[in-house]
Amino acid sequence: MILRLRTIGAGLAIAGICTFSAQAATTTTFSNGGVEATQSTLTAESPEKPDLPAGAVPPPPAAPATAAEKPAAAEPPPPAEKPAAAPAGSDSGEVKYVVKEGNKVDEHTLQGWKTWRALDCARCHGAAQQGLVGPSLIVAIQKLSEDEFKKTVLEGRLPQGMPPFGSVPRLVKNIDNLYTYLKARSDGKLEAGHVYPLDK
């Protein structure tokens, strides 16, 4: 009986020693950095949280930066079109007269010449429009627009000695034709003197 008790006591003692050794080993493992190593590993795997006041909500993680898209280059505006040069003949650029062989003209120019003769414009402005008591129409037509010419003829310029012809039916009817004739003369396309139809 005594021997059995001793055996049991010895077993308990050995078990206690083993338990103590295991605790010591655990403590030794802790002191040697086993837990620290594990904690270090966890620390490496999980990012550190910033220090925040109590009750504060941590900010969401920042989105990864992406390269900004470059805006498409704007196409340069098309160059502005230059207005076409107006040909001689009228303010709108339309050539109203036709002259061949120096003195053969279209019907409108022919009627303008006939109006010139019927109203005896040569008495003041000369047979070749070179100017007498009135100014040279060769020069004046180069400076006046078509509208300015018509206003001068129809309303007159009394201070300069030009009477109004707005009450003369033939002149009013053929004011465009008269301008066409004088424009052809001023442009140097039509010879002075008698003119003829194109078909003659």
C-alpha atoms as a PDB file:
ATOM      1  CA  MET A   1       0.000   0.000   0.000  1.00  0.00           C
ATOM      2  CA  ILE A   2       2.788   2.337   0.927  1.00  0.00           C
ATOM      3  CA  LEU A   3       4.611   1.377  -2.256  1.00  0.00           C
ATOM      4  CA  ARG A   4       1.520   2.151  -4.332  1.00  0.00           C
ATOM      5  CA  LEU A   5       1.131   5.550  -2.731  1.00  0.00           C
ATOM      6  CA  ARG A   6       4.727   6.341  -3.420  1.00  0.00           C
ATOM      7  CA  THR A   7       4.279   5.285  -7.000  1.00  0.00           C
ATOM      8  CA  ILE A   8       1.223   7.510  -7.340  1.00  0.00           C
ATOM      9  CA  GLY A   9       3.027  10.371  -5.664  1.00  0.00           C
ATOM     10  CA  ALA A  10       5.996   9.905  -7.934  1.00  0.00           C
ATOM     11  CA  GLY A  11       3.665   9.988 -10.932  1.00  0.00           C
ATOM     12  CA  LEU A  12       2.024  13.161  -9.718  1.00  0.00           C
ATOM     13  CA  ALA A  13       5.401  14.694  -9.142  1.00  0.00           C
ATOM     14  CA  ILE A  14       6.521  13.772 -12.629  1.00  0.00           C
ATOM     15  CA  ALA A  15       3.271  15.151 -14.054  1.00  0.00           C
ATOM     16  CA  GLY A  16       3.785  18.387 -12.131  1.00  0.00           C
ATOM     17  CA  ILE A  17       7.319  18.623 -13.386  1.00  0.00           C
ATOM     18  CA  CYS A  18       6.099  18.097 -16.944  1.00  0.00           C
ATOM     19  CA  THR A  19       3.390  20.691 -16.475  1.00  0.00           C
ATOM     20  CA  PHE A  20       5.879  23.151 -15.049  1.00  0.00           C
ATOM     21  CA  SER A  21       8.271  22.374 -17.855  1.00  0.00           C
ATOM     22  CA  ALA A  22       5.518  22.985 -20.405  1.00  0.00           C
ATOM     23  CA  GLN A  23       4.673  26.275 -18.734  1.00  0.00           C
ATOM     24  CA  ALA A  24       8.305  27.188 -18.631  1.00  0.00           C
ATOM     25  CA  ALA A  25       8.652  26.244 -22.227  1.00  0.00           C
ATOM     26  CA  THR A  26       5.633  28.355 -23.070  1.00  0.00           C
ATOM     27  CA  THR A  27       7.055  31.226 -21.095  1.00  0.00           C
ATOM     28  CA  THR A  28      10.400  30.729 -22.726  1.00  0.00           C
ATOM     29  CA  THR A  29       8.789  30.653 -26.102  1.00  0.00           C
ATOM     30  CA  PHE A  30       7.007  33.941 -25.279  1.00  0.00           C
ATOM     31  CA  SER A  31      10.180  35.522 -23.999  1.00  0.00           C
ATOM     32  CA  ASN A  32      12.125  34.307 -27.012  1.00  0.00           C
ATOM     33  CA  GLY A  33       9.763  36.123 -29.400  1.00  0.00           C
ATOM     34  CA  GLY A  34       7.348  33.354 -30.490  1.00  0.00           C
ATOM     35  CA  VAL A  35       4.298  35.429 -29.689  1.00  0.00           C
ATOM     36  CA  GLU A  36       6.063  38.564 -30.768  1.00  0.00           C
ATOM     37  CA  ALA A  37       6.923  36.879 -34.024  1.00  0.00           C
ATOM     38  CA  THR A  38       3.295  35.888 -34.489  1.00  0.00           C
ATOM     39  CA  GLN A  39       2.167  39.383 -33.594  1.00  0.00           C
ATOM     40  CA  SER A  40       4.809  40.805 -35.880  1.00  0.00           C
ATOM     41  CA  THR A  41       3.542  38.595 -38.665  1.00  0.00           C
ATOM     42  CA  LEU A  42      -0.030  39.749 -38.084  1.00  0.00           C
ATOM     43  CA  THR A  43       1.150  43.313 -37.942  1.00  0.00           C
ATOM     44  CA  ALA A  44       2.890  42.924 -41.262  1.00  0.00           C
ATOM     45  CA  GLU A  45      -0.223  41.450 -42.845  1.00  0.00           C
ATOM     46  CA  SER A  46      -2.679  44.033 -41.446  1.00  0.00           C
ATOM     47  CA  PRO A  47      -2.072  47.785 -42.008  1.00  0.00           C
ATOM     48  CA  GLU A  48      -1.787  49.881 -38.903  1.00  0.00           C
ATOM     49  CA  LYS A  49      -4.903  51.840 -38.019  1.00  0.00           C
ATOM     50  CA  PRO A  50      -4.416  55.570 -37.363  1.00  0.00           C
ATOM     51  CA  ASP A  51      -4.907  56.879 -33.873  1.00  0.00           C
ATOM     52  CA  LEU A  52      -8.435  58.322 -33.732  1.00  0.00           C
ATOM     53  CA  PRO A  53     -10.426  59.955 -30.928  1.00  0.00           C
ATOM     54  CA  ALA A  54     -13.011  57.821 -29.180  1.00  0.00           C
ATOM     55  CA  GLY A  55     -16.141  57.391 -31.288  1.00  0.00           C
ATOM     56  CA  ALA A  56     -14.497  58.684 -34.512  1.00  0.00           C
ATOM     57  CA  VAL A  57     -15.145  56.776 -37.718  1.00  0.00           C
ATOM     58  CA  PRO A  58     -11.980  55.925 -39.664  1.00  0.00           C
ATOM     59  CA  PRO A  59     -11.856  57.372 -43.199  1.00  0.00           C
ATOM     60  CA  PRO A  60     -12.393  54.993 -46.123  1.00  0.00           C
ATOM     61  CA  PRO A  61      -9.269  53.768 -47.887  1.00  0.00           C
ATOM     62  CA  ALA A  62      -8.054  56.001 -50.669  1.00  0.00           C
ATOM     63  CA  ALA A  63      -8.827  54.816 -54.171  1.00  0.00           C
ATOM     64  CA  PRO A  64      -5.787  53.928 -56.252  1.00  0.00           C
ATOM     65  CA  ALA A  65      -4.588  56.799 -58.363  1.00  0.00           C
ATOM     66  CA  THR A  66      -5.292  56.519 -62.048  1.00  0.00           C
ATOM     67  CA  ALA A  67      -3.745  58.459 -64.897  1.00  0.00           C
ATOM     68  CA  ALA A  68      -5.938  61.350 -65.966  1.00  0.00           C
ATOM     69  CA  GLU A  69      -7.282  61.018 -69.447  1.00  0.00           C
ATOM     70  CA  LYS A  70      -5.905  63.595 -71.810  1.00  0.00           C
ATOM     71  CA  PRO A  71      -8.639  65.727 -73.469  1.00  0.00           C
ATOM     72  CA  ALA A  72      -8.929  65.332 -77.188  1.00  0.00           C
ATOM     73  CA  ALA A  73      -7.130  68.077 -79.028  1.00  0.00           C
ATOM     74  CA  ALA A  74      -9.596  70.572 -80.484  1.00  0.00           C
ATOM     75  CA  GLU A  75      -9.493  70.909 -84.252  1.00  0.00           C
ATOM     76  CA  PRO A  76      -8.456  74.377 -85.449  1.00  0.00           C
ATOM     77  CA  PRO A  77     -11.311  76.408 -86.968  1.00  0.00           C
ATOM     78  CA  PRO A  78     -11.373  76.531 -90.752  1.00  0.00           C
ATOM     79  CA  PRO A  79      -9.838  79.680 -92.209  1.00  0.00           C
ATOM     80  CA  ALA A  80     -12.327  82.408 -92.968  1.00  0.00           C
ATOM     81  CA  GLU A  81     -13.200  82.657 -96.607  1.00  0.00           C
ATOM     82  CA  LYS A  82     -12.137  85.864 -98.255  1.00  0.00           C
ATOM     83  CA  PRO A  83     -14.899  87.658-100.148  1.00  0.00           C
ATOM     84  CA  ALA A  84     -14.507  87.429-103.864  1.00  0.00           C
ATOM     85  CA  ALA A  85     -13.433  90.616-105.572  1.00  0.00           C
ATOM     86  CA  ALA A  86     -16.365  92.300-107.271  1.00  0.00           C
ATOM     87  CA  PRO A  87     -15.897  92.645-111.023  1.00  0.00           C
ATOM     88  CA  ALA A  88     -16.443  95.999-112.640  1.00  0.00           C
ATOM     89  CA  GLY A  89     -19.958  96.945-113.597  1.00  0.00           C
ATOM     90  CA  SER A  90     -22.013  97.412-110.399  1.00  0.00           C
ATOM     91  CA  ASP A  91     -21.887  97.516-106.614  1.00  0.00           C
ATOM     92  CA  SER A  92     -23.123  93.919-106.398  1.00  0.00           C
ATOM     93  CA  GLY A  93     -20.216  92.697-108.521  1.00  0.00           C
ATOM     94  CA  GLU A  94     -22.392  91.875-111.547  1.00  0.00           C
ATOM     95  CA  VAL A  95     -20.966  93.057-114.867  1.00  0.00           C
ATOM     96  CA  LYS A  96     -23.932  94.688-116.554  1.00  0.00           C
ATOM     97  CA  TYR A  97     -22.406  95.746-119.826  1.00  0.00           C
ATOM     98  CA  VAL A  98     -21.092  93.827-122.813  1.00  0.00           C
ATOM     99  CA  VAL A  99     -18.722  95.550-125.216  1.00  0.00           C
ATOM    100  CA  LYS A 100     -17.260  94.124-128.420  1.00  0.00           C
ATOM    101  CA  GLU A 101     -14.945  95.746-130.932  1.00  0.00           C
ATOM    102  CA  GLY A 102     -14.814  98.870-128.783  1.00  0.00           C
ATOM    103  CA  ASN A 103     -18.229 100.306-129.708  1.00  0.00           C
ATOM    104  CA  LYS A 104     -20.737  97.428-130.032  1.00  0.00           C
ATOM    105  CA  VAL A 105     -22.765  97.015-126.868  1.00  0.00           C
ATOM    106  CA  ASP A 106     -25.657  95.128-125.311  1.00  0.00           C
ATOM    107  CA  GLU A 107     -29.185  96.546-125.307  1.00  0.00           C
ATOM    108  CA  HIS A 108     -28.998  98.044-121.787  1.00  0.00           C
ATOM    109  CA  THR A 109     -25.797  99.924-122.530  1.00  0.00           C
ATOM    110  CA  LEU A 110     -27.232 101.068-125.849  1.00  0.00           C
ATOM    111  CA  GLN A 111     -30.330 102.487-124.134  1.00  0.00           C
ATOM    112  CA  GLY A 112     -28.104 104.247-121.613  1.00  0.00           C
ATOM    113  CA  TRP A 113     -26.183 105.932-124.414  1.00  0.00           C
ATOM    114  CA  LYS A 114     -29.448 106.989-126.108  1.00  0.00           C
ATOM    115  CA  THR A 115     -30.669 108.485-122.801  1.00  0.00           C
ATOM    116  CA  TRP A 116     -27.396 110.356-122.456  1.00  0.00           C
ATOM    117  CA  ARG A 117     -27.869 111.897-125.878  1.00  0.00           C
ATOM    118  CA  ALA A 118     -31.617 112.605-125.444  1.00  0.00           C
ATOM    119  CA  LEU A 119     -31.080 114.605-122.242  1.00  0.00           C
ATOM    120  CA  ASP A 120     -28.056 116.396-123.744  1.00  0.00           C
ATOM    121  CA  CYS A 121     -25.802 115.528-120.795  1.00  0.00           C
ATOM    122  CA  ALA A 122     -22.789 116.325-122.969  1.00  0.00           C
ATOM    123  CA  ARG A 123     -23.616 120.036-122.700  1.00  0.00           C
ATOM    124  CA  CYS A 124     -22.219 120.097-119.142  1.00  0.00           C
ATOM    125  CA  HIS A 125     -20.099 116.942-118.958  1.00  0.00           C
ATOM    126  CA  GLY A 126     -18.613 116.837-122.472  1.00  0.00           C
ATOM    127  CA  ALA A 127     -19.264 114.562-125.440  1.00  0.00           C
ATOM    128  CA  ALA A 128     -16.656 112.122-124.173  1.00  0.00           C
ATOM    129  CA  GLN A 129     -17.657 112.585-120.504  1.00  0.00           C
ATOM    130  CA  GLN A 130     -14.368 114.401-119.978  1.00  0.00           C
ATOM    131  CA  GLY A 131     -15.999 117.312-118.120  1.00  0.00           C
ATOM    132  CA  LEU A 132     -16.830 120.895-119.105  1.00  0.00           C
ATOM    133  CA  VAL A 133     -18.763 123.109-116.696  1.00  0.00           C
ATOM    134  CA  GLY A 134     -19.699 119.913-114.918  1.00  0.00           C
ATOM    135  CA  PRO A 135     -17.190 117.386-113.585  1.00  0.00           C
ATOM    136  CA  SER A 136     -15.668 114.568-115.603  1.00  0.00           C
ATOM    137  CA  LEU A 137     -17.931 111.540-115.326  1.00  0.00           C
ATOM    138  CA  ILE A 138     -15.019 109.249-116.207  1.00  0.00           C
ATOM    139  CA  VAL A 139     -13.492 110.219-112.859  1.00  0.00           C
ATOM    140  CA  ALA A 140     -16.734 110.677-110.904  1.00  0.00           C
ATOM    141  CA  ILE A 141     -18.047 107.172-111.670  1.00  0.00           C
ATOM    142  CA  GLN A 142     -14.820 105.713-110.236  1.00  0.00           C
ATOM    143  CA  LYS A 143     -15.503 107.448-106.919  1.00  0.00           C
ATOM    144  CA  LEU A 144     -19.285 107.185-106.621  1.00  0.00           C
ATOM    145  CA  SER A 145     -21.194 104.022-105.868  1.00  0.00           C
ATOM    146  CA  GLU A 146     -24.144 103.156-108.085  1.00  0.00           C
ATOM    147  CA  ASP A 147     -26.587 104.316-105.410  1.00  0.00           C
ATOM    148  CA  GLU A 148     -24.721 107.596-104.933  1.00  0.00           C
ATOM    149  CA  PHE A 149     -24.767 108.204-108.684  1.00  0.00           C
ATOM    150  CA  LYS A 150     -28.519 107.593-108.928  1.00  0.00           C
ATOM    151  CA  LYS A 151     -29.245 109.855-105.965  1.00  0.00           C
ATOM    152  CA  THR A 152     -27.152 112.641-107.482  1.00  0.00           C
ATOM    153  CA  VAL A 153     -28.905 112.423-110.861  1.00  0.00           C
ATOM    154  CA  LEU A 154     -32.444 112.088-109.503  1.00  0.00           C
ATOM    155  CA  GLU A 155     -32.205 114.580-106.603  1.00  0.00           C
ATOM    156  CA  GLY A 156     -29.502 116.870-107.977  1.00  0.00           C
ATOM    157  CA  ARG A 157     -26.771 118.879-106.248  1.00  0.00           C
ATOM    158  CA  LEU A 158     -27.865 122.456-106.656  1.00  0.00           C
ATOM    159  CA  PRO A 159     -24.888 124.022-104.801  1.00  0.00           C
ATOM    160  CA  GLN A 160     -22.620 122.329-107.360  1.00  0.00           C
ATOM    161  CA  GLY A 161     -24.887 123.295-110.277  1.00  0.00           C
ATOM    162  CA  MET A 162     -26.422 119.842-110.848  1.00  0.00           C
ATOM    163  CA  PRO A 163     -30.223 120.074-111.387  1.00  0.00           C
ATOM    164  CA  PRO A 164     -32.496 117.195-110.340  1.00  0.00           C
ATOM    165  CA  PHE A 165     -33.849 114.892-113.050  1.00  0.00           C
ATOM    166  CA  GLY A 166     -36.247 112.887-110.896  1.00  0.00           C
ATOM    167  CA  SER A 167     -39.238 114.370-112.730  1.00  0.00           C
ATOM    168  CA  VAL A 168     -38.050 113.295-116.198  1.00  0.00           C
ATOM    169  CA  PRO A 169     -39.822 110.005-117.054  1.00  0.00           C
ATOM    170  CA  ARG A 170     -37.269 108.803-119.592  1.00  0.00           C
ATOM    171  CA  LEU A 171     -34.404 109.400-117.182  1.00  0.00           C
ATOM    172  CA  VAL A 172     -36.203 107.655-114.308  1.00  0.00           C
ATOM    173  CA  LYS A 173     -36.982 104.679-116.557  1.00  0.00           C
ATOM    174  CA  ASN A 174     -33.411 104.385-117.835  1.00  0.00           C
ATOM    175  CA  ILE A 175     -31.371 105.401-114.785  1.00  0.00           C
ATOM    176  CA  ASP A 176     -29.889 101.893-114.550  1.00  0.00           C
ATOM    177  CA  ASN A 177     -29.036 101.876-118.257  1.00  0.00           C
ATOM    178  CA  LEU A 178     -27.431 105.327-118.026  1.00  0.00           C
ATOM    179  CA  TYR A 179     -25.215 104.160-115.190  1.00  0.00           C
ATOM    180  CA  THR A 180     -24.264 101.029-117.156  1.00  0.00           C
ATOM    181  CA  TYR A 181     -23.220 103.116-120.155  1.00  0.00           C
ATOM    182  CA  LEU A 182     -21.159 105.531-118.045  1.00  0.00           C
ATOM    183  CA  LYS A 183     -19.593 102.646-116.118  1.00  0.00           C
ATOM    184  CA  ALA A 184     -18.410 101.054-119.360  1.00  0.00           C
ATOM    185  CA  ARG A 185     -16.898 104.404-120.365  1.00  0.00           C
ATOM    186  CA  SER A 186     -15.270 104.931-116.962  1.00  0.00           C
ATOM    187  CA  ASP A 187     -13.790 101.407-116.993  1.00  0.00           C
ATOM    188  CA  GLY A 188     -12.200 102.122-120.377  1.00  0.00           C
ATOM    189  CA  LYS A 189     -14.080  99.278-122.066  1.00  0.00           C
ATOM    190  CA  LEU A 190     -16.179 101.470-124.360  1.00  0.00           C
ATOM    191  CA  GLU A 191     -14.867 104.025-126.821  1.00  0.00           C
ATOM    192  CA  ALA A 192     -16.189 107.589-126.886  1.00  0.00           C
ATOM    193  CA  GLY A 193     -18.646 108.533-129.604  1.00  0.00           C
ATOM    194  CA  HIS A 194     -21.379 106.630-131.361  1.00  0.00           C
ATOM    195  CA  VAL A 195     -22.207 103.107-130.179  1.00  0.00           C
ATOM    196  CA  TYR A 196     -23.935 100.252-131.986  1.00  0.00           C
ATOM    197  CA  PRO A 197     -25.882  97.103-131.138  1.00  0.00           C
ATOM    198  CA  LEU A 198     -23.929  93.860-130.816  1.00  0.00           C
ATOM    199  CA  ASP A 199     -25.498  92.361-133.940  1.00  0.00           C
ATOM    200  CA  LYS A 200     -24.225  95.112-136.227  1.00  0.00           C
END
